[in-house]
């Protein structure tokens, strides 16, 4: 056939624009779960900060609380909108180059990732697409099923090794994406609201360790955009606040 590619030729693939709708919906479901946790935490936070100023039968006394809640929700809405826009830009710029002995992933604002055929330890397929894996978990290329000519890319990669069907357990990345932010909100809420030293330490130490690990992981990962790497520097602010409260709780144990 005249349009058939030679075995050693390169082929570049892109994602189908219409496939972004499903990815956007998954993102929205994750964000809604996080927002639900924040909604539960906000009344407690507002009461702690402004409860002493509330007066019965006085609407004006609730205005600082209302303003605070509106600012938080406004910031969340703006952040969600910008996040969806950046995700769409990443989706539209996705480029997969498959050669005879290498595969390259290019995405706007992400480090270019190249994996040699000799590095590949497994090629797995799940409901969402293919995963080209190596010995290093961070050096993995995900290929969405919405890829244009997905079957052709799968066939090319299957020449390297058989494609395995991936059975998803409960410890999947998507479930961690849902669970970890909610766990963080619960721990942070308990840490912020309590005055008991033992509870401050019990919640503050995991928070401190988790934030330090998250910042280290984000800074070194090739799966994280340059924008998110820059934003991760702001983690220093809650880190300092948590460390300061931990020190005070230990010094003035009660």
C-alpha atoms as a PDB file:
ATOM      1  CA  UNK A   1       0.000   0.000   0.000  1.00  0.00           C
ATOM      2  CA  UNK A   2       1.429   3.424  -0.865  1.00  0.00           C
ATOM      3  CA  UNK A   3       0.611   4.996   2.501  1.00  0.00           C
ATOM      4  CA  UNK A   4       2.013   2.099   4.571  1.00  0.00           C
ATOM      5  CA  UNK A   5       4.956   3.167   6.720  1.00  0.00           C
ATOM      6  CA  UNK A   6       8.244   1.329   6.675  1.00  0.00           C
ATOM      7  CA  UNK A   7       9.146  -0.496   9.924  1.00  0.00           C
ATOM      8  CA  UNK A   8      11.913   1.962  10.791  1.00  0.00           C
ATOM      9  CA  UNK A   9       9.952   5.116   9.989  1.00  0.00           C
ATOM     10  CA  UNK A  10       8.712   7.679  12.471  1.00  0.00           C
ATOM     11  CA  UNK A  11       5.090   8.494  13.033  1.00  0.00           C
ATOM     12  CA  UNK A  12       3.648  11.351  15.054  1.00  0.00           C
ATOM     13  CA  UNK A  13       0.272  11.075  16.767  1.00  0.00           C
ATOM     14  CA  UNK A  14      -2.017  13.656  18.344  1.00  0.00           C
ATOM     15  CA  UNK A  15      -5.082  13.496  20.561  1.00  0.00           C
ATOM     16  CA  UNK A  16      -8.534  13.934  19.070  1.00  0.00           C
ATOM     17  CA  UNK A  17      -9.878  17.353  20.167  1.00  0.00           C
ATOM     18  CA  UNK A  18     -13.329  15.902  20.882  1.00  0.00           C
ATOM     19  CA  UNK A  19     -11.792  13.465  23.355  1.00  0.00           C
ATOM     20  CA  UNK A  20     -11.044  16.275  25.799  1.00  0.00           C
ATOM     21  CA  UNK A  21     -14.669  16.336  26.996  1.00  0.00           C
ATOM     22  CA  UNK A  22     -14.295  13.036  28.863  1.00  0.00           C
ATOM     23  CA  UNK A  23     -10.959  14.156  30.375  1.00  0.00           C
ATOM     24  CA  UNK A  24     -12.509  17.459  31.454  1.00  0.00           C
ATOM     25  CA  UNK A  25     -15.432  15.639  33.094  1.00  0.00           C
ATOM     26  CA  UNK A  26     -13.018  13.443  35.082  1.00  0.00           C
ATOM     27  CA  UNK A  27     -11.192  16.565  36.242  1.00  0.00           C
ATOM     28  CA  UNK A  28     -14.457  18.218  37.261  1.00  0.00           C
ATOM     29  CA  UNK A  29     -15.518  15.176  39.303  1.00  0.00           C
ATOM     30  CA  UNK A  30     -12.210  15.230  41.164  1.00  0.00           C
ATOM     31  CA  UNK A  31     -12.466  18.962  41.829  1.00  0.00           C
ATOM     32  CA  UNK A  32     -16.069  18.675  43.029  1.00  0.00           C
ATOM     33  CA  UNK A  33     -14.979  16.090  45.599  1.00  0.00           C
ATOM     34  CA  UNK A  34     -12.260  18.465  46.819  1.00  0.00           C
ATOM     35  CA  UNK A  35     -14.692  21.401  46.893  1.00  0.00           C
ATOM     36  CA  UNK A  36     -17.099  19.321  48.982  1.00  0.00           C
ATOM     37  CA  UNK A  37     -14.354  18.812  51.570  1.00  0.00           C
ATOM     38  CA  UNK A  38     -13.553  22.523  51.558  1.00  0.00           C
ATOM     39  CA  UNK A  39     -17.254  23.375  51.967  1.00  0.00           C
ATOM     40  CA  UNK A  40     -17.381  21.199  55.086  1.00  0.00           C
ATOM     41  CA  UNK A  41     -14.251  22.822  56.478  1.00  0.00           C
ATOM     42  CA  UNK A  42     -15.121  26.448  55.704  1.00  0.00           C
ATOM     43  CA  UNK A  43     -17.941  26.873  58.294  1.00  0.00           C
ATOM     44  CA  UNK A  44     -15.630  25.632  61.062  1.00  0.00           C
ATOM     45  CA  UNK A  45     -12.852  27.930  59.892  1.00  0.00           C
ATOM     46  CA  UNK A  46     -15.236  30.883  59.643  1.00  0.00           C
ATOM     47  CA  UNK A  47     -16.612  30.240  63.118  1.00  0.00           C
ATOM     48  CA  UNK A  48     -13.125  30.035  64.606  1.00  0.00           C
ATOM     49  CA  UNK A  49     -12.046  33.279  62.964  1.00  0.00           C
ATOM     50  CA  UNK A  50     -15.220  35.345  63.220  1.00  0.00           C
ATOM     51  CA  UNK A  51     -17.479  33.552  65.728  1.00  0.00           C
ATOM     52  CA  UNK A  52     -16.758  35.997  68.526  1.00  0.00           C
ATOM     53  CA  UNK A  53     -17.983  38.924  66.402  1.00  0.00           C
ATOM     54  CA  UNK A  54     -21.311  37.311  65.503  1.00  0.00           C
ATOM     55  CA  UNK A  55     -24.316  38.903  67.180  1.00  0.00           C
ATOM     56  CA  UNK A  56     -27.882  37.714  67.266  1.00  0.00           C
ATOM     57  CA  UNK A  57     -30.343  39.546  65.038  1.00  0.00           C
ATOM     58  CA  UNK A  58     -27.469  41.470  63.449  1.00  0.00           C
ATOM     59  CA  UNK A  59     -26.911  40.840  59.751  1.00  0.00           C
ATOM     60  CA  UNK A  60     -23.913  43.175  59.700  1.00  0.00           C
ATOM     61  CA  UNK A  61     -21.978  40.947  62.105  1.00  0.00           C
ATOM     62  CA  UNK A  62     -22.081  38.117  59.529  1.00  0.00           C
ATOM     63  CA  UNK A  63     -20.710  40.257  56.680  1.00  0.00           C
ATOM     64  CA  UNK A  64     -16.989  39.527  57.370  1.00  0.00           C
ATOM     65  CA  UNK A  65     -17.761  35.794  57.333  1.00  0.00           C
ATOM     66  CA  UNK A  66     -19.778  36.071  54.144  1.00  0.00           C
ATOM     67  CA  UNK A  67     -17.035  38.104  52.478  1.00  0.00           C
ATOM     68  CA  UNK A  68     -14.430  35.540  53.525  1.00  0.00           C
ATOM     69  CA  UNK A  69     -16.481  32.640  52.110  1.00  0.00           C
ATOM     70  CA  UNK A  70     -17.158  34.502  48.854  1.00  0.00           C
ATOM     71  CA  UNK A  71     -13.455  35.271  48.396  1.00  0.00           C
ATOM     72  CA  UNK A  72     -12.523  31.632  48.937  1.00  0.00           C
ATOM     73  CA  UNK A  73     -15.162  30.361  46.525  1.00  0.00           C
ATOM     74  CA  UNK A  74     -14.207  33.011  43.972  1.00  0.00           C
ATOM     75  CA  UNK A  75     -10.560  31.953  44.154  1.00  0.00           C
ATOM     76  CA  UNK A  76     -11.553  28.285  43.766  1.00  0.00           C
ATOM     77  CA  UNK A  77     -13.771  29.040  40.751  1.00  0.00           C
ATOM     78  CA  UNK A  78     -11.054  31.099  39.030  1.00  0.00           C
ATOM     79  CA  UNK A  79      -8.489  28.394  39.750  1.00  0.00           C
ATOM     80  CA  UNK A  80     -10.773  25.694  38.341  1.00  0.00           C
ATOM     81  CA  UNK A  81     -11.422  27.684  35.180  1.00  0.00           C
ATOM     82  CA  UNK A  82      -7.718  28.325  34.609  1.00  0.00           C
ATOM     83  CA  UNK A  83      -6.917  24.697  35.347  1.00  0.00           C
ATOM     84  CA  UNK A  84      -9.386  23.465  32.727  1.00  0.00           C
ATOM     85  CA  UNK A  85      -7.960  25.899  30.180  1.00  0.00           C
ATOM     86  CA  UNK A  86      -4.402  24.736  30.858  1.00  0.00           C
ATOM     87  CA  UNK A  87      -5.480  21.099  30.631  1.00  0.00           C
ATOM     88  CA  UNK A  88      -7.089  21.759  27.269  1.00  0.00           C
ATOM     89  CA  UNK A  89      -3.912  23.448  26.032  1.00  0.00           C
ATOM     90  CA  UNK A  90      -1.920  20.426  27.177  1.00  0.00           C
ATOM     91  CA  UNK A  91      -4.393  18.087  25.482  1.00  0.00           C
ATOM     92  CA  UNK A  92      -4.257  19.977  22.186  1.00  0.00           C
ATOM     93  CA  UNK A  93      -0.447  20.169  22.230  1.00  0.00           C
ATOM     94  CA  UNK A  94       0.082  16.464  23.058  1.00  0.00           C
ATOM     95  CA  UNK A  95       2.425  14.834  20.581  1.00  0.00           C
ATOM     96  CA  UNK A  96       3.533  11.201  20.553  1.00  0.00           C
ATOM     97  CA  UNK A  97       6.436  10.211  18.315  1.00  0.00           C
ATOM     98  CA  UNK A  98       6.927   6.471  17.828  1.00  0.00           C
ATOM     99  CA  UNK A  99      10.126   5.273  16.192  1.00  0.00           C
ATOM    100  CA  UNK A 100      11.661   1.884  15.637  1.00  0.00           C
ATOM    101  CA  UNK A 101      13.400   1.863  19.031  1.00  0.00           C
ATOM    102  CA  UNK A 102      12.110   4.869  20.950  1.00  0.00           C
ATOM    103  CA  UNK A 103       8.967   6.755  21.893  1.00  0.00           C
ATOM    104  CA  UNK A 104       8.778  10.475  22.699  1.00  0.00           C
ATOM    105  CA  UNK A 105       6.046  12.409  24.492  1.00  0.00           C
ATOM    106  CA  UNK A 106       5.796  16.171  24.007  1.00  0.00           C
ATOM    107  CA  UNK A 107       3.290  18.404  25.802  1.00  0.00           C
ATOM    108  CA  UNK A 108       3.262  22.181  26.116  1.00  0.00           C
ATOM    109  CA  UNK A 109       4.864  23.355  29.387  1.00  0.00           C
ATOM    110  CA  UNK A 110       5.974  19.792  30.262  1.00  0.00           C
ATOM    111  CA  UNK A 111       9.498  18.364  30.006  1.00  0.00           C
ATOM    112  CA  UNK A 112       9.990  16.266  26.897  1.00  0.00           C
ATOM    113  CA  UNK A 113      10.086  12.584  27.809  1.00  0.00           C
ATOM    114  CA  UNK A 114      11.914  10.037  25.640  1.00  0.00           C
ATOM    115  CA  UNK A 115      11.958   6.324  26.423  1.00  0.00           C
ATOM    116  CA  UNK A 116      14.231   3.909  24.567  1.00  0.00           C
ATOM    117  CA  UNK A 117      12.920   0.502  23.607  1.00  0.00           C
ATOM    118  CA  UNK A 118      15.579  -1.120  25.804  1.00  0.00           C
ATOM    119  CA  UNK A 119      14.170   0.717  28.879  1.00  0.00           C
ATOM    120  CA  UNK A 120      10.619  -0.559  28.501  1.00  0.00           C
ATOM    121  CA  UNK A 121       9.625  -3.183  31.071  1.00  0.00           C
ATOM    122  CA  UNK A 122       5.918  -3.444  30.271  1.00  0.00           C
ATOM    123  CA  UNK A 123       3.223  -2.074  27.993  1.00  0.00           C
ATOM    124  CA  UNK A 124      -0.163  -2.244  29.668  1.00  0.00           C
ATOM    125  CA  UNK A 125      -3.614  -1.338  28.417  1.00  0.00           C
ATOM    126  CA  UNK A 126      -6.486  -0.195  30.623  1.00  0.00           C
ATOM    127  CA  UNK A 127      -9.877   1.366  29.966  1.00  0.00           C
ATOM    128  CA  UNK A 128      -8.274   4.795  29.513  1.00  0.00           C
ATOM    129  CA  UNK A 129      -5.436   3.782  27.189  1.00  0.00           C
ATOM    130  CA  UNK A 130      -1.865   2.472  27.082  1.00  0.00           C
ATOM    131  CA  UNK A 131       0.938   2.834  29.619  1.00  0.00           C
ATOM    132  CA  UNK A 132       4.532   2.428  28.479  1.00  0.00           C
ATOM    133  CA  UNK A 133       6.441   1.600  31.670  1.00  0.00           C
ATOM    134  CA  UNK A 134      10.072   1.456  32.748  1.00  0.00           C
ATOM    135  CA  UNK A 135      11.871   0.545  35.959  1.00  0.00           C
ATOM    136  CA  UNK A 136      11.385   4.141  37.120  1.00  0.00           C
ATOM    137  CA  UNK A 137       7.749   4.940  37.916  1.00  0.00           C
ATOM    138  CA  UNK A 138       8.155   8.565  36.878  1.00  0.00           C
ATOM    139  CA  UNK A 139       9.458   7.550  33.434  1.00  0.00           C
ATOM    140  CA  UNK A 140       6.111   6.348  32.139  1.00  0.00           C
ATOM    141  CA  UNK A 141       4.243   7.524  29.071  1.00  0.00           C
ATOM    142  CA  UNK A 142       0.467   7.440  29.165  1.00  0.00           C
ATOM    143  CA  UNK A 143      -1.320   7.215  25.826  1.00  0.00           C
ATOM    144  CA  UNK A 144      -5.011   8.060  25.970  1.00  0.00           C
ATOM    145  CA  UNK A 145      -7.463   5.941  23.989  1.00  0.00           C
ATOM    146  CA  UNK A 146      -8.602   9.203  22.376  1.00  0.00           C
ATOM    147  CA  UNK A 147      -5.350   9.252  20.385  1.00  0.00           C
ATOM    148  CA  UNK A 148      -5.922   9.585  16.648  1.00  0.00           C
ATOM    149  CA  UNK A 149      -4.898   6.237  15.097  1.00  0.00           C
ATOM    150  CA  UNK A 150      -4.709   4.689  18.570  1.00  0.00           C
ATOM    151  CA  UNK A 151      -4.823   1.138  17.197  1.00  0.00           C
ATOM    152  CA  UNK A 152      -1.930   1.888  14.863  1.00  0.00           C
ATOM    153  CA  UNK A 153       0.203   3.203  17.746  1.00  0.00           C
ATOM    154  CA  UNK A 154      -0.730   0.151  19.820  1.00  0.00           C
ATOM    155  CA  UNK A 155       0.269  -2.182  16.980  1.00  0.00           C
ATOM    156  CA  UNK A 156       3.638  -0.461  16.551  1.00  0.00           C
ATOM    157  CA  UNK A 157       4.396  -0.712  20.254  1.00  0.00           C
ATOM    158  CA  UNK A 158       3.232  -4.322  20.388  1.00  0.00           C
ATOM    159  CA  UNK A 159       6.226  -5.199  18.160  1.00  0.00           C
ATOM    160  CA  UNK A 160       8.415  -4.315  21.162  1.00  0.00           C
ATOM    161  CA  UNK A 161       6.622  -6.690  23.529  1.00  0.00           C
ATOM    162  CA  UNK A 162       3.104  -8.067  24.046  1.00  0.00           C
ATOM    163  CA  UNK A 163       0.561  -5.583  25.381  1.00  0.00           C
ATOM    164  CA  UNK A 164      -0.766  -6.709  28.763  1.00  0.00           C
ATOM    165  CA  UNK A 165      -4.283  -6.027  29.977  1.00  0.00           C
ATOM    166  CA  UNK A 166      -4.120  -3.952  33.143  1.00  0.00           C
ATOM    167  CA  UNK A 167      -6.594  -4.910  35.865  1.00  0.00           C
ATOM    168  CA  UNK A 168      -7.257  -1.861  38.031  1.00  0.00           C
ATOM    169  CA  UNK A 169      -7.294  -2.445  41.778  1.00  0.00           C
ATOM    170  CA  UNK A 170      -8.390  -0.074  44.483  1.00  0.00           C
ATOM    171  CA  UNK A 171      -4.922   1.496  44.726  1.00  0.00           C
ATOM    172  CA  UNK A 172      -5.080   3.305  41.393  1.00  0.00           C
ATOM    173  CA  UNK A 173      -3.631   6.746  40.673  1.00  0.00           C
ATOM    174  CA  UNK A 174      -7.090   8.174  39.999  1.00  0.00           C
ATOM    175  CA  UNK A 175      -8.355   7.033  43.402  1.00  0.00           C
ATOM    176  CA  UNK A 176      -5.320   8.570  45.095  1.00  0.00           C
ATOM    177  CA  UNK A 177      -6.068  11.796  43.211  1.00  0.00           C
ATOM    178  CA  UNK A 178      -9.504  11.761  44.852  1.00  0.00           C
ATOM    179  CA  UNK A 179      -8.465  10.599  48.290  1.00  0.00           C
ATOM    180  CA  UNK A 180      -5.265  12.449  49.147  1.00  0.00           C
ATOM    181  CA  UNK A 181      -6.670  16.012  48.917  1.00  0.00           C
ATOM    182  CA  UNK A 182      -9.621  15.022  51.124  1.00  0.00           C
ATOM    183  CA  UNK A 183      -7.291  13.397  53.675  1.00  0.00           C
ATOM    184  CA  UNK A 184      -5.181  16.569  53.657  1.00  0.00           C
ATOM    185  CA  UNK A 185      -8.277  18.729  54.301  1.00  0.00           C
ATOM    186  CA  UNK A 186      -9.354  16.526  57.232  1.00  0.00           C
ATOM    187  CA  UNK A 187      -5.866  16.582  58.780  1.00  0.00           C
ATOM    188  CA  UNK A 188      -5.450  20.310  58.207  1.00  0.00           C
ATOM    189  CA  UNK A 189      -8.885  21.012  59.699  1.00  0.00           C
ATOM    190  CA  UNK A 190      -8.085  19.023  62.843  1.00  0.00           C
ATOM    191  CA  UNK A 191      -4.634  20.619  63.061  1.00  0.00           C
ATOM    192  CA  UNK A 192      -5.992  24.143  62.702  1.00  0.00           C
ATOM    193  CA  UNK A 193      -9.008  23.833  64.989  1.00  0.00           C
ATOM    194  CA  UNK A 194      -7.524  21.957  67.946  1.00  0.00           C
ATOM    195  CA  UNK A 195      -5.628  23.370  70.930  1.00  0.00           C
ATOM    196  CA  UNK A 196      -4.524  19.960  72.238  1.00  0.00           C
ATOM    197  CA  UNK A 197      -0.773  19.504  71.866  1.00  0.00           C
ATOM    198  CA  UNK A 198      -0.945  15.766  71.168  1.00  0.00           C
ATOM    199  CA  UNK A 199      -3.482  16.259  68.369  1.00  0.00           C
ATOM    200  CA  UNK A 200      -1.451  19.123  66.893  1.00  0.00           C
ATOM    201  CA  UNK A 201       1.589  16.839  66.746  1.00  0.00           C
ATOM    202  CA  UNK A 202      -0.412  13.814  65.517  1.00  0.00           C
ATOM    203  CA  UNK A 203      -1.825  15.780  62.579  1.00  0.00           C
ATOM    204  CA  UNK A 204       0.983  18.293  62.044  1.00  0.00           C
ATOM    205  CA  UNK A 205       3.826  15.801  61.561  1.00  0.00           C
ATOM    206  CA  UNK A 206       2.058  13.887  58.726  1.00  0.00           C
ATOM    207  CA  UNK A 207       1.074  17.211  57.140  1.00  0.00           C
ATOM    208  CA  UNK A 208       4.647  18.476  57.301  1.00  0.00           C
ATOM    209  CA  UNK A 209       6.075  15.234  55.907  1.00  0.00           C
ATOM    210  CA  UNK A 210       3.392  15.035  53.200  1.00  0.00           C
ATOM    211  CA  UNK A 211       3.923  18.617  52.019  1.00  0.00           C
ATOM    212  CA  UNK A 212       7.708  18.192  51.943  1.00  0.00           C
ATOM    213  CA  UNK A 213       7.395  14.973  49.940  1.00  0.00           C
ATOM    214  CA  UNK A 214       4.834  16.554  47.581  1.00  0.00           C
ATOM    215  CA  UNK A 215       7.084  19.529  46.892  1.00  0.00           C
ATOM    216  CA  UNK A 216      10.099  17.267  46.266  1.00  0.00           C
ATOM    217  CA  UNK A 217       8.077  15.004  43.957  1.00  0.00           C
ATOM    218  CA  UNK A 218       6.580  17.891  41.980  1.00  0.00           C
ATOM    219  CA  UNK A 219       9.969  19.571  41.517  1.00  0.00           C
ATOM    220  CA  UNK A 220      11.664  16.467  40.116  1.00  0.00           C
ATOM    221  CA  UNK A 221       8.810  14.830  38.177  1.00  0.00           C
ATOM    222  CA  UNK A 222       8.646  14.901  34.374  1.00  0.00           C
ATOM    223  CA  UNK A 223       4.879  14.324  34.679  1.00  0.00           C
ATOM    224  CA  UNK A 224       4.297  17.794  36.163  1.00  0.00           C
ATOM    225  CA  UNK A 225       4.106  21.013  34.159  1.00  0.00           C
ATOM    226  CA  UNK A 226       6.497  23.935  34.638  1.00  0.00           C
ATOM    227  CA  UNK A 227       3.536  26.019  35.842  1.00  0.00           C
ATOM    228  CA  UNK A 228       2.792  23.566  38.662  1.00  0.00           C
ATOM    229  CA  UNK A 229       6.492  23.425  39.572  1.00  0.00           C
ATOM    230  CA  UNK A 230       6.457  27.213  40.011  1.00  0.00           C
ATOM    231  CA  UNK A 231       3.265  27.096  42.075  1.00  0.00           C
ATOM    232  CA  UNK A 232       4.768  24.423  44.326  1.00  0.00           C
ATOM    233  CA  UNK A 233       7.095  27.062  45.788  1.00  0.00           C
ATOM    234  CA  UNK A 234       4.084  28.511  47.633  1.00  0.00           C
ATOM    235  CA  UNK A 235       4.012  25.317  49.707  1.00  0.00           C
ATOM    236  CA  UNK A 236       6.712  26.986  51.827  1.00  0.00           C
ATOM    237  CA  UNK A 237       4.044  29.240  53.374  1.00  0.00           C
ATOM    238  CA  UNK A 238       1.887  26.471  54.941  1.00  0.00           C
ATOM    239  CA  UNK A 239       5.084  24.564  55.749  1.00  0.00           C
ATOM    240  CA  UNK A 240       6.349  27.458  57.851  1.00  0.00           C
ATOM    241  CA  UNK A 241       2.947  27.912  59.524  1.00  0.00           C
ATOM    242  CA  UNK A 242       2.675  24.211  60.398  1.00  0.00           C
ATOM    243  CA  UNK A 243       6.265  24.058  61.657  1.00  0.00           C
ATOM    244  CA  UNK A 244       5.718  27.156  63.841  1.00  0.00           C
ATOM    245  CA  UNK A 245       2.541  25.748  65.416  1.00  0.00           C
ATOM    246  CA  UNK A 246       4.255  22.396  66.022  1.00  0.00           C
ATOM    247  CA  UNK A 247       7.151  24.078  67.809  1.00  0.00           C
ATOM    248  CA  UNK A 248       4.782  26.115  69.987  1.00  0.00           C
ATOM    249  CA  UNK A 249       2.682  23.033  70.806  1.00  0.00           C
ATOM    250  CA  UNK A 250       5.763  21.083  71.895  1.00  0.00           C
ATOM    251  CA  UNK A 251       7.196  23.982  73.917  1.00  0.00           C
ATOM    252  CA  UNK A 252       3.892  24.672  75.667  1.00  0.00           C
ATOM    253  CA  UNK A 253       2.569  21.129  75.962  1.00  0.00           C
ATOM    254  CA  UNK A 254      -0.984  20.784  77.289  1.00  0.00           C
END
